[in-house]
Each structure stands twice: as C-alpha cells, then as structure tokens.
Amino acid sequence: MLRIIKDRKRSMKSLGFSIQPQHWDFEKELPTSSCPNKEEIIQLILKTKLEYQKRLLDKSNIDEEFTASSLLNETNEKIIAKTVEEFYKKNASV
C-alpha cells in the first residue's frame, strides 16, 4: 500500500500485489533479499512513489489546493469547457 498523509489526514492506495510477512522488512519498508521478484516489486514501488511525488510537485508549483484523497483519486483527463448544448448533444448520442 502507498500511504499519503497531508494535514494529518491519511489515504491509502493499493499497489496491486501482496507479499508474505516473512518477505517484508518492516523497518526498511522494502522486500527482504530472499523475496521472490524483489527487483520488480521495488521498481513498482519506486514508479508509484515517483508518480505521486510528481503530482505533488505540480500542485505545489501552481499553488493548487488538494487533500491526500484528492491526490490519489484525481485522473489525468483534461477538462474542456463546453456549452450546455454541446454537453447534451454529446451525452445524448452515448
């Protein structure tokens, strides 16, 4: 799990895998050297951390307000302004 804490509020995101407790070093928060697929797991952890650190930096650079849960739940979709008529025409055809 990835844990994000902001303003003493915590949100968790599953990384999509699990490890037996004997293969996890709880002090270092990394897989042990005897863990199968150790390198792949570490890469996934680092990739996910980097993604959320980038999102955090982007929001900080533009002084955008966010919470821990909004940081986890946001999507990368671009928001495009539409008129009400355009909205209804697009959604009526779906």
C-alpha atoms as a PDB file:
ATOM      1  CA  MET A   1       0.000   0.000   0.000  1.00  0.00           C
ATOM      2  CA  LEU A   2       1.084   3.546  -0.664  1.00  0.00           C
ATOM      3  CA  ARG A   3       0.236   5.865   2.218  1.00  0.00           C
ATOM      4  CA  ILE A   4      -0.178   9.605   1.615  1.00  0.00           C
ATOM      5  CA  ILE A   5      -0.577  11.928   4.586  1.00  0.00           C
ATOM      6  CA  LYS A   6      -1.480  15.601   4.353  1.00  0.00           C
ATOM      7  CA  ASP A   7      -2.681  17.772   7.227  1.00  0.00           C
ATOM      8  CA  ARG A   8      -2.750  14.671   9.462  1.00  0.00           C
ATOM      9  CA  LYS A   9      -5.271  13.013   7.121  1.00  0.00           C
ATOM     10  CA  ARG A  10      -4.222   9.681   5.646  1.00  0.00           C
ATOM     11  CA  SER A  11      -5.197   7.994   2.381  1.00  0.00           C
ATOM     12  CA  MET A  12      -4.058   4.606   1.147  1.00  0.00           C
ATOM     13  CA  LYS A  13      -3.641   3.237  -2.370  1.00  0.00           C
ATOM     14  CA  SER A  14      -3.152  -0.417  -3.157  1.00  0.00           C
ATOM     15  CA  LEU A  15      -0.216  -1.202  -5.422  1.00  0.00           C
ATOM     16  CA  GLY A  16      -1.933  -4.366  -6.611  1.00  0.00           C
ATOM     17  CA  PHE A  17       0.291  -7.019  -5.059  1.00  0.00           C
ATOM     18  CA  SER A  18       0.865  -8.656  -1.699  1.00  0.00           C
ATOM     19  CA  ILE A  19       3.915 -10.149  -0.008  1.00  0.00           C
ATOM     20  CA  GLN A  20       4.140 -12.722   2.746  1.00  0.00           C
ATOM     21  CA  PRO A  21       5.221 -11.074   6.039  1.00  0.00           C
ATOM     22  CA  GLN A  22       8.433 -13.108   6.141  1.00  0.00           C
ATOM     23  CA  HIS A  23       9.484 -11.478   2.834  1.00  0.00           C
ATOM     24  CA  TRP A  24       8.943  -7.885   4.042  1.00  0.00           C
ATOM     25  CA  ASP A  25      11.410  -5.783   6.068  1.00  0.00           C
ATOM     26  CA  PHE A  26       9.111  -3.602   8.173  1.00  0.00           C
ATOM     27  CA  GLU A  27      11.908  -1.284   9.331  1.00  0.00           C
ATOM     28  CA  LYS A  28      13.227  -0.502   5.832  1.00  0.00           C
ATOM     29  CA  GLU A  29       9.744  -0.790   4.267  1.00  0.00           C
ATOM     30  CA  LEU A  30      11.161  -2.878   1.425  1.00  0.00           C
ATOM     31  CA  PRO A  31      11.127  -6.536   0.412  1.00  0.00           C
ATOM     32  CA  THR A  32      13.813  -8.708   2.029  1.00  0.00           C
ATOM     33  CA  SER A  33      16.680 -10.076  -0.034  1.00  0.00           C
ATOM     34  CA  SER A  34      15.006 -13.517  -0.009  1.00  0.00           C
ATOM     35  CA  CYS A  35      11.772 -12.163  -1.520  1.00  0.00           C
ATOM     36  CA  PRO A  36      10.848 -13.616  -4.930  1.00  0.00           C
ATOM     37  CA  ASN A  37      10.573 -10.889  -7.608  1.00  0.00           C
ATOM     38  CA  LYS A  38      12.258  -8.408  -5.282  1.00  0.00           C
ATOM     39  CA  GLU A  39      13.538  -6.177  -8.108  1.00  0.00           C
ATOM     40  CA  GLU A  40      10.158  -5.969  -9.856  1.00  0.00           C
ATOM     41  CA  ILE A  41       8.419  -5.111  -6.588  1.00  0.00           C
ATOM     42  CA  ILE A  42      10.939  -2.390  -5.769  1.00  0.00           C
ATOM     43  CA  GLN A  43      10.549  -0.946  -9.287  1.00  0.00           C
ATOM     44  CA  LEU A  44       6.760  -0.854  -8.910  1.00  0.00           C
ATOM     45  CA  ILE A  45       7.040   0.863  -5.522  1.00  0.00           C
ATOM     46  CA  LEU A  46       9.507   3.449  -6.842  1.00  0.00           C
ATOM     47  CA  LYS A  47       7.468   4.084 -10.001  1.00  0.00           C
ATOM     48  CA  THR A  48       4.310   4.687  -7.974  1.00  0.00           C
ATOM     49  CA  LYS A  49       6.104   6.941  -5.468  1.00  0.00           C
ATOM     50  CA  LEU A  50       7.622   8.953  -8.319  1.00  0.00           C
ATOM     51  CA  GLU A  51       4.221   9.387  -9.983  1.00  0.00           C
ATOM     52  CA  TYR A  52       2.646  10.790  -6.819  1.00  0.00           C
ATOM     53  CA  GLN A  53       5.684  12.927  -5.973  1.00  0.00           C
ATOM     54  CA  LYS A  54       5.394  14.467  -9.451  1.00  0.00           C
ATOM     55  CA  ARG A  55       1.690  15.174  -8.908  1.00  0.00           C
ATOM     56  CA  LEU A  56       2.506  16.745  -5.546  1.00  0.00           C
ATOM     57  CA  LEU A  57       5.242  18.917  -7.059  1.00  0.00           C
ATOM     58  CA  ASP A  58       2.982  20.015  -9.933  1.00  0.00           C
ATOM     59  CA  LYS A  59       0.264  21.070  -7.492  1.00  0.00           C
ATOM     60  CA  SER A  60       2.760  22.872  -5.268  1.00  0.00           C
ATOM     61  CA  ASN A  61       4.207  24.774  -8.234  1.00  0.00           C
ATOM     62  CA  ILE A  62       0.834  26.221  -9.173  1.00  0.00           C
ATOM     63  CA  ASP A  63      -0.350  26.649  -5.557  1.00  0.00           C
ATOM     64  CA  GLU A  64      -3.307  24.329  -6.117  1.00  0.00           C
ATOM     65  CA  GLU A  65      -5.155  23.150  -3.035  1.00  0.00           C
ATOM     66  CA  PHE A  66      -5.514  19.389  -2.578  1.00  0.00           C
ATOM     67  CA  THR A  67      -6.111  16.721   0.014  1.00  0.00           C
ATOM     68  CA  ALA A  68      -4.473  13.327   0.373  1.00  0.00           C
ATOM     69  CA  SER A  69      -7.559  11.601  -1.043  1.00  0.00           C
ATOM     70  CA  SER A  70      -7.975  14.044  -3.941  1.00  0.00           C
ATOM     71  CA  LEU A  71      -4.332  13.475  -4.898  1.00  0.00           C
ATOM     72  CA  LEU A  72      -4.964   9.728  -5.061  1.00  0.00           C
ATOM     73  CA  ASN A  73      -8.319   9.958  -6.820  1.00  0.00           C
ATOM     74  CA  GLU A  74      -7.558  12.519  -9.491  1.00  0.00           C
ATOM     75  CA  THR A  75      -7.393  11.452 -13.108  1.00  0.00           C
ATOM     76  CA  ASN A  76      -5.206  12.739 -15.886  1.00  0.00           C
ATOM     77  CA  GLU A  77      -8.183  13.680 -18.052  1.00  0.00           C
ATOM     78  CA  LYS A  78      -8.166  17.193 -19.430  1.00  0.00           C
ATOM     79  CA  ILE A  79     -11.208  19.269 -18.596  1.00  0.00           C
ATOM     80  CA  ILE A  80     -12.590  21.024 -21.641  1.00  0.00           C
ATOM     81  CA  ALA A  81     -15.129  23.801 -21.266  1.00  0.00           C
ATOM     82  CA  LYS A  82     -18.371  23.152 -23.162  1.00  0.00           C
ATOM     83  CA  THR A  83     -21.657  24.854 -23.555  1.00  0.00           C
ATOM     84  CA  VAL A  84     -24.728  23.172 -22.114  1.00  0.00           C
ATOM     85  CA  GLU A  85     -25.901  22.411 -25.650  1.00  0.00           C
ATOM     86  CA  GLU A  86     -22.594  20.683 -26.534  1.00  0.00           C
ATOM     87  CA  PHE A  87     -22.774  18.631 -23.341  1.00  0.00           C
ATOM     88  CA  TYR A  88     -26.290  17.387 -24.006  1.00  0.00           C
ATOM     89  CA  LYS A  89     -25.600  16.620 -27.661  1.00  0.00           C
ATOM     90  CA  LYS A  90     -22.541  14.551 -26.772  1.00  0.00           C
ATOM     91  CA  ASN A  91     -24.278  12.662 -23.954  1.00  0.00           C
ATOM     92  CA  ALA A  92     -27.468  12.098 -25.954  1.00  0.00           C
ATOM     93  CA  SER A  93     -25.526  10.115 -28.557  1.00  0.00           C
ATOM     94  CA  VAL A  94     -23.945   7.848 -25.933  1.00  0.00           C
END
